[in-house]
Amino acid sequence: MIEQTGKVVLVKDGFAWVESERTSTCQSCSAKKGCGTSLLDNVFGQKRLAIKTLNSRNSMVGDHVVIGIHESTLIKSSLLMYLMPLLMMFVFAFFAEYVFNVSELLTVLSGLIGLIAGFFWVRNYSEKVRYDEKYQPVILKVINTGVNLELGIK
């Protein structure tokens, strides 16, 4: 399970929007002085990211929570997002070149059509699984509520 901490900023329709700071491991890396990722991190800085999660713990706005998603879900989704368009591009180009034996320009155009078709396939697939619970990050635990119990204020 990949976990991240954050603060609930909105609760709506069974979902909680958790604001989390993007983190990198650049501070602990020995090659950070010569790394492009470290340079980009320094230029653009740490930015906050709002993540829509299932509100399985009935958290409220202001709660500090730990959210998580299964590694297998993240890996499967990443592979589909990146590999499917490329795979379709190669398949379309292969069929244009070797099966239909067309010119080089038509092979390139077929590859581009395959790439675009792959993007549309990913878009349609992601719309299908958009509300599937196994593809959603969930709130694993509430670290502390946004309410000060002694004073009864937020």
N, C-alpha and C. Protein backbone atom coordinates (compact mmCIF):
# COMPACT_ATOMS: atom_id res chain seq x y z
N MET A 1 0.85 -1.17 0.00
CA MET A 1 0.00 0.00 0.00
C MET A 1 0.90 1.25 0.00
N ILE A 2 0.65 2.14 -0.93
CA ILE A 2 1.36 3.41 -0.99
C ILE A 2 0.56 4.41 -0.18
N GLU A 3 1.22 5.05 0.78
CA GLU A 3 0.52 5.95 1.70
C GLU A 3 1.04 7.37 1.60
N GLN A 4 0.16 8.32 1.91
CA GLN A 4 0.50 9.74 1.90
C GLN A 4 -0.37 10.43 2.93
N THR A 5 0.16 11.41 3.62
CA THR A 5 -0.63 12.16 4.58
C THR A 5 -1.14 13.44 3.94
N GLY A 6 -2.22 13.95 4.48
CA GLY A 6 -2.78 15.18 3.96
C GLY A 6 -3.89 15.69 4.85
N LYS A 7 -4.51 16.76 4.40
CA LYS A 7 -5.57 17.42 5.16
C LYS A 7 -6.83 17.45 4.30
N VAL A 8 -7.96 17.08 4.89
CA VAL A 8 -9.23 17.08 4.18
C VAL A 8 -9.67 18.54 3.98
N VAL A 9 -9.91 18.90 2.71
CA VAL A 9 -10.33 20.27 2.41
C VAL A 9 -11.77 20.35 1.92
N LEU A 10 -12.36 19.21 1.52
CA LEU A 10 -13.75 19.20 1.04
C LEU A 10 -14.31 17.79 1.21
N VAL A 11 -15.55 17.71 1.67
CA VAL A 11 -16.25 16.42 1.77
C VAL A 11 -17.55 16.57 0.99
N LYS A 12 -17.76 15.65 0.02
CA LYS A 12 -18.95 15.75 -0.83
C LYS A 12 -19.26 14.39 -1.45
N ASP A 13 -20.50 13.97 -1.38
CA ASP A 13 -21.01 12.77 -2.04
C ASP A 13 -20.21 11.51 -1.74
N GLY A 14 -19.82 11.31 -0.50
CA GLY A 14 -19.08 10.10 -0.12
C GLY A 14 -17.60 10.15 -0.42
N PHE A 15 -17.14 11.27 -0.94
CA PHE A 15 -15.73 11.44 -1.25
C PHE A 15 -15.16 12.57 -0.40
N ALA A 16 -13.87 12.49 -0.14
CA ALA A 16 -13.17 13.56 0.55
C ALA A 16 -12.02 14.01 -0.33
N TRP A 17 -11.88 15.30 -0.49
CA TRP A 17 -10.75 15.87 -1.22
C TRP A 17 -9.66 16.15 -0.21
N VAL A 18 -8.53 15.46 -0.37
CA VAL A 18 -7.42 15.57 0.56
C VAL A 18 -6.30 16.34 -0.12
N GLU A 19 -5.88 17.42 0.54
CA GLU A 19 -4.78 18.22 0.01
C GLU A 19 -3.49 17.67 0.59
N SER A 20 -2.59 17.34 -0.29
CA SER A 20 -1.33 16.73 0.10
C SER A 20 -0.20 17.46 -0.59
N GLU A 21 0.93 17.56 0.07
CA GLU A 21 2.08 18.20 -0.54
C GLU A 21 2.87 17.16 -1.32
N ARG A 22 3.18 17.52 -2.57
CA ARG A 22 4.01 16.62 -3.39
C ARG A 22 5.39 16.54 -2.76
N THR A 23 5.86 15.33 -2.63
CA THR A 23 7.19 15.15 -2.05
C THR A 23 8.10 14.43 -3.03
N SER A 24 9.37 14.65 -2.85
CA SER A 24 10.34 13.91 -3.64
C SER A 24 11.41 13.38 -2.69
N THR A 25 12.19 12.46 -3.17
CA THR A 25 13.24 11.88 -2.34
C THR A 25 14.58 12.53 -2.62
N CYS A 26 14.56 13.70 -3.23
CA CYS A 26 15.80 14.36 -3.63
C CYS A 26 16.70 14.71 -2.44
N GLN A 27 16.09 15.04 -1.29
CA GLN A 27 16.91 15.44 -0.15
C GLN A 27 17.79 14.31 0.36
N SER A 28 17.37 13.07 0.19
CA SER A 28 18.14 11.95 0.70
C SER A 28 19.03 11.30 -0.36
N CYS A 29 19.03 11.85 -1.57
CA CYS A 29 19.79 11.26 -2.66
C CYS A 29 21.19 11.87 -2.74
N SER A 30 22.18 11.04 -2.97
CA SER A 30 23.55 11.53 -3.04
C SER A 30 23.87 12.21 -4.37
N ALA A 31 23.06 11.99 -5.39
CA ALA A 31 23.33 12.57 -6.71
C ALA A 31 22.48 13.81 -6.99
N LYS A 32 21.96 14.45 -5.94
CA LYS A 32 21.01 15.53 -6.18
C LYS A 32 21.62 16.76 -6.84
N LYS A 33 22.90 16.98 -6.71
CA LYS A 33 23.52 18.15 -7.33
C LYS A 33 23.60 18.03 -8.85
N GLY A 34 23.70 16.83 -9.38
CA GLY A 34 23.82 16.65 -10.82
C GLY A 34 22.59 16.07 -11.48
N CYS A 35 21.47 16.13 -10.79
CA CYS A 35 20.26 15.46 -11.28
C CYS A 35 19.27 16.49 -11.81
N GLY A 36 18.67 16.18 -12.94
CA GLY A 36 17.67 17.07 -13.52
C GLY A 36 16.40 17.13 -12.71
N THR A 37 16.02 16.03 -12.10
CA THR A 37 14.81 16.02 -11.28
C THR A 37 14.96 16.94 -10.08
N SER A 38 16.13 16.92 -9.46
CA SER A 38 16.38 17.80 -8.32
C SER A 38 16.33 19.26 -8.75
N LEU A 39 16.88 19.56 -9.92
CA LEU A 39 16.86 20.93 -10.44
C LEU A 39 15.42 21.39 -10.68
N LEU A 40 14.61 20.54 -11.31
CA LEU A 40 13.22 20.89 -11.55
C LEU A 40 12.45 21.07 -10.24
N ASP A 41 12.77 20.23 -9.26
CA ASP A 41 12.12 20.34 -7.96
C ASP A 41 12.45 21.67 -7.30
N ASN A 42 13.70 22.12 -7.44
CA ASN A 42 14.09 23.40 -6.88
C ASN A 42 13.44 24.57 -7.62
N VAL A 43 13.30 24.46 -8.93
CA VAL A 43 12.72 25.54 -9.72
C VAL A 43 11.23 25.66 -9.45
N PHE A 44 10.51 24.55 -9.50
CA PHE A 44 9.07 24.60 -9.36
C PHE A 44 8.60 24.48 -7.92
N GLY A 45 9.45 24.00 -7.04
CA GLY A 45 9.11 23.91 -5.62
C GLY A 45 8.08 22.85 -5.31
N GLN A 46 7.77 22.79 -4.04
CA GLN A 46 6.76 21.83 -3.59
C GLN A 46 5.38 22.43 -3.82
N LYS A 47 4.52 21.74 -4.50
CA LYS A 47 3.17 22.21 -4.76
C LYS A 47 2.18 21.29 -4.08
N ARG A 48 1.06 21.87 -3.72
CA ARG A 48 0.01 21.09 -3.10
C ARG A 48 -0.84 20.44 -4.18
N LEU A 49 -1.36 19.27 -3.84
CA LEU A 49 -2.14 18.48 -4.78
C LEU A 49 -3.41 18.01 -4.07
N ALA A 50 -4.56 18.21 -4.70
CA ALA A 50 -5.82 17.74 -4.12
C ALA A 50 -6.16 16.39 -4.73
N ILE A 51 -6.40 15.40 -3.87
CA ILE A 51 -6.67 14.04 -4.30
C ILE A 51 -8.07 13.65 -3.84
N LYS A 52 -8.87 13.15 -4.77
CA LYS A 52 -10.22 12.70 -4.45
C LYS A 52 -10.13 11.27 -3.92
N THR A 53 -10.61 11.07 -2.69
CA THR A 53 -10.52 9.76 -2.06
C THR A 53 -11.89 9.32 -1.56
N LEU A 54 -12.06 8.02 -1.42
CA LEU A 54 -13.27 7.51 -0.79
C LEU A 54 -13.23 7.87 0.70
N ASN A 55 -14.31 8.41 1.19
CA ASN A 55 -14.37 8.84 2.60
C ASN A 55 -14.84 7.69 3.47
N SER A 56 -14.01 6.67 3.58
CA SER A 56 -14.37 5.45 4.30
C SER A 56 -14.33 5.62 5.82
N ARG A 57 -13.71 6.67 6.31
CA ARG A 57 -13.61 6.90 7.76
C ARG A 57 -14.49 8.06 8.22
N ASN A 58 -15.38 8.51 7.36
CA ASN A 58 -16.28 9.64 7.68
C ASN A 58 -15.51 10.84 8.22
N SER A 59 -14.45 11.18 7.56
CA SER A 59 -13.65 12.32 7.99
C SER A 59 -14.35 13.62 7.63
N MET A 60 -13.95 14.68 8.29
CA MET A 60 -14.55 15.99 8.08
C MET A 60 -13.47 16.97 7.61
N VAL A 61 -13.92 18.10 7.11
CA VAL A 61 -12.98 19.13 6.67
C VAL A 61 -12.10 19.54 7.84
N GLY A 62 -10.81 19.61 7.58
CA GLY A 62 -9.84 19.97 8.61
C GLY A 62 -9.12 18.78 9.22
N ASP A 63 -9.63 17.57 9.01
CA ASP A 63 -8.98 16.37 9.56
C ASP A 63 -7.67 16.11 8.84
N HIS A 64 -6.67 15.70 9.58
CA HIS A 64 -5.41 15.23 8.99
C HIS A 64 -5.52 13.72 8.88
N VAL A 65 -5.29 13.21 7.66
CA VAL A 65 -5.55 11.80 7.38
C VAL A 65 -4.36 11.16 6.66
N VAL A 66 -4.38 9.85 6.66
CA VAL A 66 -3.45 9.06 5.85
C VAL A 66 -4.28 8.41 4.76
N ILE A 67 -3.90 8.66 3.50
CA ILE A 67 -4.60 8.04 2.38
C ILE A 67 -3.68 6.99 1.76
N GLY A 68 -4.28 6.05 1.04
CA GLY A 68 -3.48 5.01 0.44
C GLY A 68 -4.13 4.43 -0.80
N ILE A 69 -3.30 3.82 -1.63
CA ILE A 69 -3.75 3.10 -2.81
C ILE A 69 -2.85 1.88 -2.96
N HIS A 70 -3.41 0.78 -3.43
CA HIS A 70 -2.63 -0.45 -3.60
C HIS A 70 -1.58 -0.28 -4.70
N GLU A 71 -0.41 -0.84 -4.48
CA GLU A 71 0.66 -0.75 -5.48
C GLU A 71 0.24 -1.37 -6.81
N SER A 72 -0.46 -2.50 -6.73
CA SER A 72 -0.86 -3.18 -7.97
C SER A 72 -1.80 -2.31 -8.79
N THR A 73 -2.68 -1.58 -8.15
CA THR A 73 -3.59 -0.68 -8.86
C THR A 73 -2.81 0.43 -9.54
N LEU A 74 -1.85 1.00 -8.84
CA LEU A 74 -1.05 2.08 -9.41
C LEU A 74 -0.20 1.59 -10.58
N ILE A 75 0.39 0.42 -10.43
CA ILE A 75 1.23 -0.12 -11.50
C ILE A 75 0.39 -0.47 -12.73
N LYS A 76 -0.74 -1.13 -12.51
CA LYS A 76 -1.62 -1.50 -13.63
C LYS A 76 -2.12 -0.25 -14.37
N SER A 77 -2.53 0.74 -13.62
CA SER A 77 -3.02 1.98 -14.25
C SER A 77 -1.92 2.69 -15.01
N SER A 78 -0.73 2.74 -14.45
CA SER A 78 0.40 3.39 -15.13
C SER A 78 0.76 2.67 -16.41
N LEU A 79 0.79 1.35 -16.35
CA LEU A 79 1.11 0.58 -17.56
C LEU A 79 0.07 0.81 -18.65
N LEU A 80 -1.20 0.81 -18.26
CA LEU A 80 -2.24 1.06 -19.26
C LEU A 80 -2.13 2.45 -19.85
N MET A 81 -1.87 3.43 -19.01
CA MET A 81 -1.81 4.82 -19.48
C MET A 81 -0.65 5.05 -20.45
N TYR A 82 0.50 4.45 -20.17
CA TYR A 82 1.68 4.73 -20.98
C TYR A 82 1.89 3.72 -22.11
N LEU A 83 1.63 2.47 -21.84
CA LEU A 83 1.95 1.45 -22.83
C LEU A 83 0.88 1.23 -23.89
N MET A 84 -0.39 1.39 -23.54
CA MET A 84 -1.44 1.11 -24.51
C MET A 84 -1.35 2.02 -25.75
N PRO A 85 -1.20 3.34 -25.59
CA PRO A 85 -1.06 4.16 -26.80
C PRO A 85 0.17 3.78 -27.64
N LEU A 86 1.28 3.50 -26.97
CA LEU A 86 2.49 3.12 -27.72
C LEU A 86 2.31 1.77 -28.41
N LEU A 87 1.70 0.84 -27.72
CA LEU A 87 1.46 -0.48 -28.31
C LEU A 87 0.55 -0.37 -29.54
N MET A 88 -0.50 0.42 -29.42
CA MET A 88 -1.41 0.58 -30.56
C MET A 88 -0.71 1.30 -31.72
N MET A 89 0.18 2.24 -31.41
CA MET A 89 0.92 2.92 -32.46
C MET A 89 1.78 1.91 -33.23
N PHE A 90 2.49 1.05 -32.51
CA PHE A 90 3.33 0.06 -33.17
C PHE A 90 2.51 -0.97 -33.96
N VAL A 91 1.39 -1.39 -33.41
CA VAL A 91 0.54 -2.37 -34.10
C VAL A 91 -0.01 -1.78 -35.39
N PHE A 92 -0.52 -0.55 -35.34
CA PHE A 92 -1.05 0.08 -36.54
C PHE A 92 0.04 0.26 -37.59
N ALA A 93 1.22 0.71 -37.16
CA ALA A 93 2.33 0.90 -38.10
C ALA A 93 2.79 -0.44 -38.67
N PHE A 94 2.84 -1.48 -37.84
CA PHE A 94 3.25 -2.81 -38.30
C PHE A 94 2.29 -3.32 -39.38
N PHE A 95 0.99 -3.23 -39.12
CA PHE A 95 0.02 -3.70 -40.11
C PHE A 95 0.10 -2.88 -41.40
N ALA A 96 0.29 -1.58 -41.27
CA ALA A 96 0.38 -0.76 -42.47
C ALA A 96 1.61 -1.14 -43.30
N GLU A 97 2.73 -1.39 -42.62
CA GLU A 97 3.98 -1.68 -43.31
C GLU A 97 4.04 -3.09 -43.87
N TYR A 98 3.74 -4.08 -43.02
CA TYR A 98 3.99 -5.47 -43.41
C TYR A 98 2.77 -6.21 -43.92
N VAL A 99 1.59 -5.84 -43.51
CA VAL A 99 0.40 -6.54 -43.98
C VAL A 99 -0.17 -5.87 -45.22
N PHE A 100 -0.30 -4.54 -45.18
CA PHE A 100 -0.88 -3.83 -46.31
C PHE A 100 0.17 -3.29 -47.28
N ASN A 101 1.45 -3.31 -46.86
CA ASN A 101 2.58 -2.94 -47.70
C ASN A 101 2.37 -1.55 -48.35
N VAL A 102 2.11 -0.56 -47.51
CA VAL A 102 1.89 0.81 -48.00
C VAL A 102 3.19 1.60 -47.94
N SER A 103 3.15 2.82 -48.40
CA SER A 103 4.34 3.67 -48.41
C SER A 103 4.75 4.06 -46.98
N GLU A 104 5.95 4.61 -46.88
CA GLU A 104 6.48 5.00 -45.57
C GLU A 104 5.62 6.10 -44.94
N LEU A 105 5.16 7.05 -45.73
CA LEU A 105 4.32 8.13 -45.22
C LEU A 105 3.01 7.58 -44.63
N LEU A 106 2.39 6.63 -45.33
CA LEU A 106 1.16 6.04 -44.81
C LEU A 106 1.42 5.18 -43.58
N THR A 107 2.60 4.59 -43.51
CA THR A 107 2.97 3.82 -42.31
C THR A 107 3.07 4.75 -41.10
N VAL A 108 3.71 5.91 -41.30
CA VAL A 108 3.84 6.89 -40.23
C VAL A 108 2.46 7.41 -39.82
N LEU A 109 1.63 7.72 -40.80
CA LEU A 109 0.28 8.19 -40.49
C LEU A 109 -0.53 7.13 -39.77
N SER A 110 -0.37 5.88 -40.17
CA SER A 110 -1.05 4.78 -39.48
C SER A 110 -0.59 4.69 -38.03
N GLY A 111 0.70 4.86 -37.81
CA GLY A 111 1.22 4.86 -36.45
C GLY A 111 0.62 5.98 -35.61
N LEU A 112 0.51 7.17 -36.20
CA LEU A 112 -0.10 8.30 -35.49
C LEU A 112 -1.58 8.04 -35.20
N ILE A 113 -2.27 7.44 -36.14
CA ILE A 113 -3.67 7.09 -35.92
C ILE A 113 -3.78 6.07 -34.79
N GLY A 114 -2.86 5.10 -34.76
CA GLY A 114 -2.85 4.13 -33.67
C GLY A 114 -2.57 4.78 -32.32
N LEU A 115 -1.66 5.74 -32.30
CA LEU A 115 -1.35 6.46 -31.05
C LEU A 115 -2.58 7.20 -30.55
N ILE A 116 -3.25 7.90 -31.45
CA ILE A 116 -4.46 8.63 -31.08
C ILE A 116 -5.56 7.67 -30.64
N ALA A 117 -5.70 6.55 -31.34
CA ALA A 117 -6.69 5.54 -30.95
C ALA A 117 -6.36 4.99 -29.56
N GLY A 118 -5.08 4.83 -29.27
CA GLY A 118 -4.68 4.37 -27.93
C GLY A 118 -5.05 5.37 -26.85
N PHE A 119 -4.88 6.65 -27.12
CA PHE A 119 -5.27 7.68 -26.16
C PHE A 119 -6.78 7.65 -25.92
N PHE A 120 -7.56 7.47 -26.99
CA PHE A 120 -9.01 7.39 -26.83
C PHE A 120 -9.40 6.13 -26.06
N TRP A 121 -8.71 5.02 -26.31
CA TRP A 121 -9.00 3.80 -25.58
C TRP A 121 -8.75 4.01 -24.08
N VAL A 122 -7.62 4.63 -23.75
CA VAL A 122 -7.29 4.90 -22.34
C VAL A 122 -8.35 5.80 -21.72
N ARG A 123 -8.77 6.81 -22.46
CA ARG A 123 -9.78 7.73 -21.94
C ARG A 123 -11.09 6.99 -21.67
N ASN A 124 -11.52 6.16 -22.60
CA ASN A 124 -12.76 5.40 -22.40
C ASN A 124 -12.65 4.41 -21.25
N TYR A 125 -11.51 3.75 -21.14
CA TYR A 125 -11.29 2.79 -20.06
C TYR A 125 -11.30 3.50 -18.71
N SER A 126 -10.64 4.65 -18.65
CA SER A 126 -10.60 5.37 -17.37
C SER A 126 -11.98 5.89 -16.98
N GLU A 127 -12.81 6.22 -17.95
CA GLU A 127 -14.19 6.62 -17.64
C GLU A 127 -14.98 5.43 -17.08
N LYS A 128 -14.72 4.23 -17.58
CA LYS A 128 -15.42 3.03 -17.09
C LYS A 128 -15.07 2.73 -15.65
N VAL A 129 -13.80 2.85 -15.29
CA VAL A 129 -13.35 2.48 -13.95
C VAL A 129 -13.27 3.66 -13.00
N ARG A 130 -13.75 4.79 -13.43
CA ARG A 130 -13.67 6.02 -12.64
C ARG A 130 -14.26 5.86 -11.24
N TYR A 131 -15.39 5.18 -11.12
CA TYR A 131 -16.05 5.03 -9.83
C TYR A 131 -15.89 3.64 -9.23
N ASP A 132 -15.04 2.82 -9.82
CA ASP A 132 -14.76 1.50 -9.29
C ASP A 132 -13.91 1.65 -8.03
N GLU A 133 -14.38 1.09 -6.93
CA GLU A 133 -13.71 1.29 -5.64
C GLU A 133 -12.29 0.76 -5.61
N LYS A 134 -11.99 -0.28 -6.38
CA LYS A 134 -10.64 -0.83 -6.32
C LYS A 134 -9.61 0.08 -7.00
N TYR A 135 -10.07 1.07 -7.76
CA TYR A 135 -9.16 2.01 -8.41
C TYR A 135 -9.10 3.35 -7.68
N GLN A 136 -9.76 3.47 -6.53
CA GLN A 136 -9.82 4.73 -5.81
C GLN A 136 -8.88 4.71 -4.61
N PRO A 137 -8.20 5.82 -4.36
CA PRO A 137 -7.47 5.92 -3.09
C PRO A 137 -8.49 6.00 -1.95
N VAL A 138 -8.12 5.51 -0.79
CA VAL A 138 -9.02 5.51 0.36
C VAL A 138 -8.32 6.16 1.56
N ILE A 139 -9.14 6.64 2.48
CA ILE A 139 -8.61 7.16 3.73
C ILE A 139 -8.38 5.97 4.65
N LEU A 140 -7.12 5.76 5.01
CA LEU A 140 -6.77 4.62 5.85
C LEU A 140 -7.00 4.90 7.33
N LYS A 141 -6.62 6.12 7.75
CA LYS A 141 -6.85 6.48 9.15
C LYS A 141 -6.85 7.99 9.30
N VAL A 142 -7.50 8.43 10.35
CA VAL A 142 -7.52 9.85 10.70
C VAL A 142 -6.46 10.05 11.76
N ILE A 143 -5.47 10.90 11.46
CA ILE A 143 -4.39 11.16 12.40
C ILE A 143 -4.90 12.00 13.56
N ASN A 144 -5.51 13.12 13.22
CA ASN A 144 -6.18 13.93 14.24
C ASN A 144 -7.29 14.70 13.56
N THR A 145 -8.31 14.99 14.33
CA THR A 145 -9.42 15.73 13.76
C THR A 145 -9.09 17.20 13.75
N GLY A 146 -9.79 17.93 12.95
CA GLY A 146 -9.57 19.38 12.87
C GLY A 146 -10.20 20.12 14.02
N VAL A 147 -10.72 19.41 15.03
CA VAL A 147 -11.39 20.04 16.15
C VAL A 147 -10.48 20.02 17.37
N ASN A 148 -10.32 21.16 18.03
CA ASN A 148 -9.60 21.24 19.28
C ASN A 148 -10.55 20.81 20.38
N LEU A 149 -10.35 19.63 20.96
CA LEU A 149 -11.29 19.06 21.92
C LEU A 149 -11.37 19.86 23.20
N GLU A 150 -10.28 20.50 23.63
CA GLU A 150 -10.30 21.26 24.87
C GLU A 150 -11.16 22.51 24.75
N LEU A 151 -11.01 23.20 23.63
CA LEU A 151 -11.75 24.45 23.46
C LEU A 151 -13.02 24.26 22.64
N GLY A 152 -13.13 23.13 21.96
CA GLY A 152 -14.30 22.86 21.15
C GLY A 152 -14.38 23.70 19.88
N ILE A 153 -13.21 24.15 19.39
CA ILE A 153 -13.19 24.96 18.19
C ILE A 153 -12.36 24.29 17.12
N LYS A 154 -12.54 24.76 15.91
CA LYS A 154 -11.74 24.23 14.79
C LYS A 154 -10.56 25.11 14.56
